[in-house]
C-alpha atoms as a PDB file:
ATOM      1  CA  UNK A   1     142.853-156.987-174.668  1.00  0.00           C
ATOM      2  CA  UNK A   2     144.963-156.280-178.114  1.00  0.00           C
ATOM      3  CA  UNK A   3     145.207-152.324-179.472  1.00  0.00           C
ATOM      4  CA  UNK A   4     145.533-151.695-183.522  1.00  0.00           C
ATOM      5  CA  UNK A   5     146.391-148.845-185.026  1.00  0.00           C
ATOM      6  CA  UNK A   6     143.820-148.313-188.615  1.00  0.00           C
ATOM      7  CA  UNK A   7     145.168-146.163-190.777  1.00  0.00           C
ATOM      8  CA  UNK A   8     143.283-146.829-193.952  1.00  0.00           C
ATOM      9  CA  UNK A   9     139.542-144.727-193.931  1.00  0.00           C
ATOM     10  CA  UNK A  10     137.540-148.131-196.082  1.00  0.00           C
ATOM     11  CA  UNK A  11     138.841-150.535-193.955  1.00  0.00           C
ATOM     12  CA  UNK A  12     136.631-148.314-190.777  1.00  0.00           C
ATOM     13  CA  UNK A  13     133.737-150.930-190.908  1.00  0.00           C
ATOM     14  CA  UNK A  14     135.559-153.258-188.987  1.00  0.00           C
ATOM     15  CA  UNK A  15     136.058-152.212-186.426  1.00  0.00           C
ATOM     16  CA  UNK A  16     132.183-152.576-185.347  1.00  0.00           C
ATOM     17  CA  UNK A  17     132.075-156.277-186.946  1.00  0.00           C
ATOM     18  CA  UNK A  18     135.239-158.012-186.925  1.00  0.00           C
ATOM     19  CA  UNK A  19     137.818-156.161-184.852  1.00  0.00           C
ATOM     20  CA  UNK A  20     134.717-155.247-182.604  1.00  0.00           C
ATOM     21  CA  UNK A  21     136.833-157.196-179.493  1.00  0.00           C
ATOM     22  CA  UNK A  22     140.078-155.399-179.524  1.00  0.00           C
ATOM     23  CA  UNK A  23     140.485-151.551-179.299  1.00  0.00           C
ATOM     24  CA  UNK A  24     141.016-149.779-182.309  1.00  0.00           C
ATOM     25  CA  UNK A  25     142.465-146.348-183.077  1.00  0.00           C
ATOM     26  CA  UNK A  26     142.269-144.981-186.392  1.00  0.00           C
ATOM     27  CA  UNK A  27     144.568-142.469-187.963  1.00  0.00           C
ATOM     28  CA  UNK A  28     142.789-140.182-190.454  1.00  0.00           C
ATOM     29  CA  UNK A  29     146.041-138.539-191.940  1.00  0.00           C
ATOM     30  CA  UNK A  30     150.179-138.776-191.587  1.00  0.00           C
ATOM     31  CA  UNK A  31     150.164-136.332-188.485  1.00  0.00           C
ATOM     32  CA  UNK A  32     147.259-138.636-186.404  1.00  0.00           C
ATOM     33  CA  UNK A  33     149.442-141.675-186.986  1.00  0.00           C
ATOM     34  CA  UNK A  34     152.471-139.846-185.649  1.00  0.00           C
ATOM     35  CA  UNK A  35     150.444-138.656-182.821  1.00  0.00           C
ATOM     36  CA  UNK A  36     149.078-142.022-182.269  1.00  0.00           C
ATOM     37  CA  UNK A  37     151.926-144.268-182.176  1.00  0.00           C
ATOM     38  CA  UNK A  38     154.242-141.443-179.924  1.00  0.00           C
ATOM     39  CA  UNK A  39     151.498-141.567-177.675  1.00  0.00           C
ATOM     40  CA  UNK A  40     150.110-145.144-177.526  1.00  0.00           C
ATOM     41  CA  UNK A  41     151.635-148.598-177.699  1.00  0.00           C
ATOM     42  CA  UNK A  42     150.165-151.168-180.169  1.00  0.00           C
ATOM     43  CA  UNK A  43     150.198-154.729-180.864  1.00  0.00           C
ATOM     44  CA  UNK A  44     149.541-154.136-184.791  1.00  0.00           C
ATOM     45  CA  UNK A  45     149.394-151.752-187.228  1.00  0.00           C
ATOM     46  CA  UNK A  46     147.208-152.169-189.810  1.00  0.00           C
ATOM     47  CA  UNK A  47     148.331-149.642-192.942  1.00  0.00           C
ATOM     48  CA  UNK A  48     147.316-148.762-196.170  1.00  0.00           C
ATOM     49  CA  UNK A  49     150.927-148.331-198.542  1.00  0.00           C
ATOM     50  CA  UNK A  50     150.638-144.527-198.085  1.00  0.00           C
ATOM     51  CA  UNK A  51     152.087-144.753-194.908  1.00  0.00           C
ATOM     52  CA  UNK A  52     155.238-146.802-196.336  1.00  0.00           C
ATOM     53  CA  UNK A  53     157.497-144.215-195.889  1.00  0.00           C
ATOM     54  CA  UNK A  54     156.573-142.970-192.581  1.00  0.00           C
ATOM     55  CA  UNK A  55     156.178-146.193-191.392  1.00  0.00           C
ATOM     56  CA  UNK A  56     159.881-147.153-192.219  1.00  0.00           C
ATOM     57  CA  UNK A  57     161.263-144.041-190.225  1.00  0.00           C
ATOM     58  CA  UNK A  58     159.194-145.399-187.217  1.00  0.00           C
ATOM     59  CA  UNK A  59     161.012-148.831-187.960  1.00  0.00           C
ATOM     60  CA  UNK A  60     164.774-147.017-188.198  1.00  0.00           C
ATOM     61  CA  UNK A  61     163.677-145.767-184.855  1.00  0.00           C
ATOM     62  CA  UNK A  62     163.924-149.700-182.845  1.00  0.00           C
ATOM     63  CA  UNK A  63     159.799-150.186-183.543  1.00  0.00           C
ATOM     64  CA  UNK A  64     159.440-153.525-184.006  1.00  0.00           C
ATOM     65  CA  UNK A  65     155.599-153.740-184.084  1.00  0.00           C
ATOM     66  CA  UNK A  66     153.678-155.802-186.245  1.00  0.00           C
ATOM     67  CA  UNK A  67     152.152-154.024-189.544  1.00  0.00           C
ATOM     68  CA  UNK A  68     150.361-155.425-191.992  1.00  0.00           C
ATOM     69  CA  UNK A  69     150.019-153.377-195.047  1.00  0.00           C
ATOM     70  CA  UNK A  70     147.097-152.379-197.273  1.00  0.00           C
ATOM     71  CA  UNK A  71     147.609-151.534-201.003  1.00  0.00           C
ATOM     72  CA  UNK A  72     145.347-150.355-203.528  1.00  0.00           C
ATOM     73  CA  UNK A  73     146.469-152.442-206.205  1.00  0.00           C
ATOM     74  CA  UNK A  74     149.268-155.194-207.219  1.00  0.00           C
ATOM     75  CA  UNK A  75     152.645-153.961-207.373  1.00  0.00           C
ATOM     76  CA  UNK A  76     155.595-156.210-207.048  1.00  0.00           C
ATOM     77  CA  UNK A  77     158.019-152.585-206.086  1.00  0.00           C
ATOM     78  CA  UNK A  78     155.370-151.835-203.272  1.00  0.00           C
ATOM     79  CA  UNK A  79     155.441-155.963-202.670  1.00  0.00           C
ATOM     80  CA  UNK A  80     159.079-155.768-202.265  1.00  0.00           C
ATOM     81  CA  UNK A  81     159.431-152.767-199.924  1.00  0.00           C
ATOM     82  CA  UNK A  82     156.733-153.956-197.691  1.00  0.00           C
ATOM     83  CA  UNK A  83     158.488-156.841-196.255  1.00  0.00           C
ATOM     84  CA  UNK A  84     161.048-155.455-195.938  1.00  0.00           C
ATOM     85  CA  UNK A  85     159.707-153.399-192.536  1.00  0.00           C
ATOM     86  CA  UNK A  86     155.764-155.476-191.908  1.00  0.00           C
ATOM     87  CA  UNK A  87     154.440-158.433-191.585  1.00  0.00           C
ATOM     88  CA  UNK A  88     152.318-159.011-194.221  1.00  0.00           C
ATOM     89  CA  UNK A  89     150.973-158.230-198.036  1.00  0.00           C
ATOM     90  CA  UNK A  90     147.021-157.578-199.154  1.00  0.00           C
ATOM     91  CA  UNK A  91     145.158-156.026-202.291  1.00  0.00           C
ATOM     92  CA  UNK A  92     142.395-154.449-202.611  1.00  0.00           C
ATOM     93  CA  UNK A  93     139.388-155.876-202.546  1.00  0.00           C
ATOM     94  CA  UNK A  94     139.593-157.243-199.406  1.00  0.00           C
ATOM     95  CA  UNK A  95     138.082-159.549-197.848  1.00  0.00           C
ATOM     96  CA  UNK A  96     137.644-158.390-194.076  1.00  0.00           C
ATOM     97  CA  UNK A  97     136.932-161.957-192.529  1.00  0.00           C
ATOM     98  CA  UNK A  98     140.444-162.527-194.563  1.00  0.00           C
ATOM     99  CA  UNK A  99     142.022-158.893-193.169  1.00  0.00           C
ATOM    100  CA  UNK A 100     140.540-160.729-189.455  1.00  0.00           C
ATOM    101  CA  UNK A 101     142.522-164.392-190.101  1.00  0.00           C
ATOM    102  CA  UNK A 102     145.253-161.957-191.122  1.00  0.00           C
ATOM    103  CA  UNK A 103     146.171-160.681-188.326  1.00  0.00           C
ATOM    104  CA  UNK A 104     144.550-162.535-185.247  1.00  0.00           C
ATOM    105  CA  UNK A 105     147.964-164.436-186.823  1.00  0.00           C
ATOM    106  CA  UNK A 106     149.623-162.078-186.537  1.00  0.00           C
ATOM    107  CA  UNK A 107     148.886-161.827-182.785  1.00  0.00           C
ATOM    108  CA  UNK A 108     148.814-165.948-182.635  1.00  0.00           C
ATOM    109  CA  UNK A 109     152.923-164.999-183.209  1.00  0.00           C
ATOM    110  CA  UNK A 110     153.722-162.348-180.610  1.00  0.00           C
ATOM    111  CA  UNK A 111     152.139-164.816-177.783  1.00  0.00           C
ATOM    112  CA  UNK A 112     154.080-167.762-179.821  1.00  0.00           C
ATOM    113  CA  UNK A 113     151.047-169.849-178.994  1.00  0.00           C
ATOM    114  CA  UNK A 114     151.980-172.601-180.803  1.00  0.00           C
ATOM    115  CA  UNK A 115     154.293-173.755-178.273  1.00  0.00           C
ATOM    116  CA  UNK A 116     151.860-175.441-174.965  1.00  0.00           C
ATOM    117  CA  UNK A 117     154.260-173.800-172.067  1.00  0.00           C
ATOM    118  CA  UNK A 118     155.727-170.387-171.821  1.00  0.00           C
ATOM    119  CA  UNK A 119     158.643-169.965-170.135  1.00  0.00           C
ATOM    120  CA  UNK A 120     159.732-166.816-167.734  1.00  0.00           C
ATOM    121  CA  UNK A 121     162.598-167.002-165.444  1.00  0.00           C
ATOM    122  CA  UNK A 122     162.168-169.825-163.889  1.00  0.00           C
ATOM    123  CA  UNK A 123     157.972-170.169-163.987  1.00  0.00           C
ATOM    124  CA  UNK A 124     156.631-172.181-166.318  1.00  0.00           C
ATOM    125  CA  UNK A 125     153.235-171.846-167.585  1.00  0.00           C
ATOM    126  CA  UNK A 126     151.068-174.048-169.262  1.00  0.00           C
ATOM    127  CA  UNK A 127     148.419-172.997-171.748  1.00  0.00           C
ATOM    128  CA  UNK A 128     146.360-174.849-171.988  1.00  0.00           C
ATOM    129  CA  UNK A 129     145.828-176.219-168.211  1.00  0.00           C
ATOM    130  CA  UNK A 130     146.365-172.380-167.053  1.00  0.00           C
ATOM    131  CA  UNK A 131     148.688-174.347-164.932  1.00  0.00           C
ATOM    132  CA  UNK A 132     151.833-172.572-163.387  1.00  0.00           C
ATOM    133  CA  UNK A 133     155.063-174.320-162.360  1.00  0.00           C
ATOM    134  CA  UNK A 134     158.102-173.010-160.751  1.00  0.00           C
ATOM    135  CA  UNK A 135     160.706-175.671-161.193  1.00  0.00           C
ATOM    136  CA  UNK A 136     159.017-178.681-160.237  1.00  0.00           C
ATOM    137  CA  UNK A 137     156.731-177.484-157.923  1.00  0.00           C
ATOM    138  CA  UNK A 138     152.744-176.238-158.905  1.00  0.00           C
ATOM    139  CA  UNK A 139     152.021-172.779-157.649  1.00  0.00           C
ATOM    140  CA  UNK A 140     147.886-172.362-156.744  1.00  0.00           C
ATOM    141  CA  UNK A 141     146.795-169.722-158.625  1.00  0.00           C
ATOM    142  CA  UNK A 142     142.722-168.286-158.560  1.00  0.00           C
ATOM    143  CA  UNK A 143     140.912-168.350-161.902  1.00  0.00           C
ATOM    144  CA  UNK A 144     141.760-164.918-162.369  1.00  0.00           C
ATOM    145  CA  UNK A 145     145.088-164.948-161.629  1.00  0.00           C
ATOM    146  CA  UNK A 146     146.023-167.529-163.921  1.00  0.00           C
ATOM    147  CA  UNK A 147     144.059-165.611-166.681  1.00  0.00           C
ATOM    148  CA  UNK A 148     145.954-162.342-165.442  1.00  0.00           C
ATOM    149  CA  UNK A 149     149.256-164.510-165.791  1.00  0.00           C
ATOM    150  CA  UNK A 150     148.463-165.432-169.724  1.00  0.00           C
ATOM    151  CA  UNK A 151     147.918-161.663-170.330  1.00  0.00           C
ATOM    152  CA  UNK A 152     151.251-160.068-169.128  1.00  0.00           C
ATOM    153  CA  UNK A 153     152.851-162.619-170.694  1.00  0.00           C
ATOM    154  CA  UNK A 154     151.372-162.564-174.221  1.00  0.00           C
ATOM    155  CA  UNK A 155     152.813-158.605-174.190  1.00  0.00           C
ATOM    156  CA  UNK A 156     155.839-159.230-172.163  1.00  0.00           C
ATOM    157  CA  UNK A 157     157.407-155.681-171.923  1.00  0.00           C
ATOM    158  CA  UNK A 158     154.159-153.828-173.241  1.00  0.00           C
ATOM    159  CA  UNK A 159     152.236-151.234-171.015  1.00  0.00           C
ATOM    160  CA  UNK A 160     149.319-152.456-170.074  1.00  0.00           C
ATOM    161  CA  UNK A 161     146.300-149.810-169.235  1.00  0.00           C
ATOM    162  CA  UNK A 162     145.205-150.333-165.782  1.00  0.00           C
ATOM    163  CA  UNK A 163     141.370-149.930-167.674  1.00  0.00           C
ATOM    164  CA  UNK A 164     141.912-152.507-170.000  1.00  0.00           C
ATOM    165  CA  UNK A 165     143.314-155.161-167.301  1.00  0.00           C
ATOM    166  CA  UNK A 166     140.246-154.382-165.233  1.00  0.00           C
ATOM    167  CA  UNK A 167     138.459-154.391-168.119  1.00  0.00           C
ATOM    168  CA  UNK A 168     140.137-158.223-169.317  1.00  0.00           C
ATOM    169  CA  UNK A 169     139.396-159.660-166.173  1.00  0.00           C
ATOM    170  CA  UNK A 170     135.714-158.078-165.847  1.00  0.00           C
ATOM    171  CA  UNK A 171     136.235-156.559-162.850  1.00  0.00           C
ATOM    172  CA  UNK A 172     136.306-152.978-161.273  1.00  0.00           C
ATOM    173  CA  UNK A 173     137.959-153.142-158.496  1.00  0.00           C
ATOM    174  CA  UNK A 174     141.504-151.486-158.390  1.00  0.00           C
ATOM    175  CA  UNK A 175     142.600-152.875-155.056  1.00  0.00           C
ATOM    176  CA  UNK A 176     141.703-156.513-155.956  1.00  0.00           C
ATOM    177  CA  UNK A 177     143.640-155.908-158.544  1.00  0.00           C
ATOM    178  CA  UNK A 178     146.739-155.006-156.623  1.00  0.00           C
ATOM    179  CA  UNK A 179     146.488-157.949-154.490  1.00  0.00           C
ATOM    180  CA  UNK A 180     146.877-160.375-157.918  1.00  0.00           C
ATOM    181  CA  UNK A 181     149.740-157.964-159.241  1.00  0.00           C
ATOM    182  CA  UNK A 182     151.674-158.108-155.714  1.00  0.00           C
ATOM    183  CA  UNK A 183     151.290-162.374-155.335  1.00  0.00           C
ATOM    184  CA  UNK A 184     152.259-162.910-158.703  1.00  0.00           C
ATOM    185  CA  UNK A 185     155.412-160.142-158.162  1.00  0.00           C
ATOM    186  CA  UNK A 186     155.507-162.772-154.884  1.00  0.00           C
ATOM    187  CA  UNK A 187     156.015-165.609-157.399  1.00  0.00           C
ATOM    188  CA  UNK A 188     158.396-164.291-159.291  1.00  0.00           C
ATOM    189  CA  UNK A 189     157.001-162.086-162.131  1.00  0.00           C
ATOM    190  CA  UNK A 190     158.490-158.765-162.335  1.00  0.00           C
ATOM    191  CA  UNK A 191     155.473-156.450-162.910  1.00  0.00           C
ATOM    192  CA  UNK A 192     156.029-153.332-162.526  1.00  0.00           C
ATOM    193  CA  UNK A 193     153.477-149.376-162.138  1.00  0.00           C
ATOM    194  CA  UNK A 194     153.858-147.032-164.203  1.00  0.00           C
ATOM    195  CA  UNK A 195     151.718-143.748-162.614  1.00  0.00           C
ATOM    196  CA  UNK A 196     152.469-141.781-165.399  1.00  0.00           C
ATOM    197  CA  UNK A 197     150.945-144.182-168.125  1.00  0.00           C
ATOM    198  CA  UNK A 198     148.084-145.956-165.092  1.00  0.00           C
ATOM    199  CA  UNK A 199     149.416-148.877-166.737  1.00  0.00           C
ATOM    200  CA  UNK A 200     151.444-152.286-165.803  1.00  0.00           C
ATOM    201  CA  UNK A 201     154.198-153.553-167.085  1.00  0.00           C
ATOM    202  CA  UNK A 202     155.832-156.795-167.348  1.00  0.00           C
ATOM    203  CA  UNK A 203     159.653-156.990-168.093  1.00  0.00           C
END
């Protein structure tokens, strides 16, 4: 499940409507934003332009999280500044469906979904057919194993909470998940468990 940090109180209705399928955290002020980005890894920031300076400082530390700025009014200087560190910029009043489309477009870029095949080391995963090949040999997968591969490949290098993975697989079995992970690692994936954060990461 993609995780969004939202820092614009005018947009909170999005959570129960257009963004209901995502995990959304809200930053009510700069301190909340600091704490959230320190404790968690996000797939996208959706921020009021008010957070420009703090976001700029965060980017200087190496944070590459896709960022979408929301502005109260059109300002060419704001636009120029935003695109120095962000991926998109939109002016209020906002059409929530348009904003959702823009967010999902960033996720598509993140997943590199325009490619029909994702390459990982000597493994080739076909996004449409959900087939995995090692060199020219097809690897037999269960539906959940294929689903899990797609989930990890969409977020390489990002810690994924065990709870979110189980939700994604619609499973409550920690033991079954460990079996899946063990098989994927034997195939050639490098998925590690980070005990401190109860998360898995594909590197």
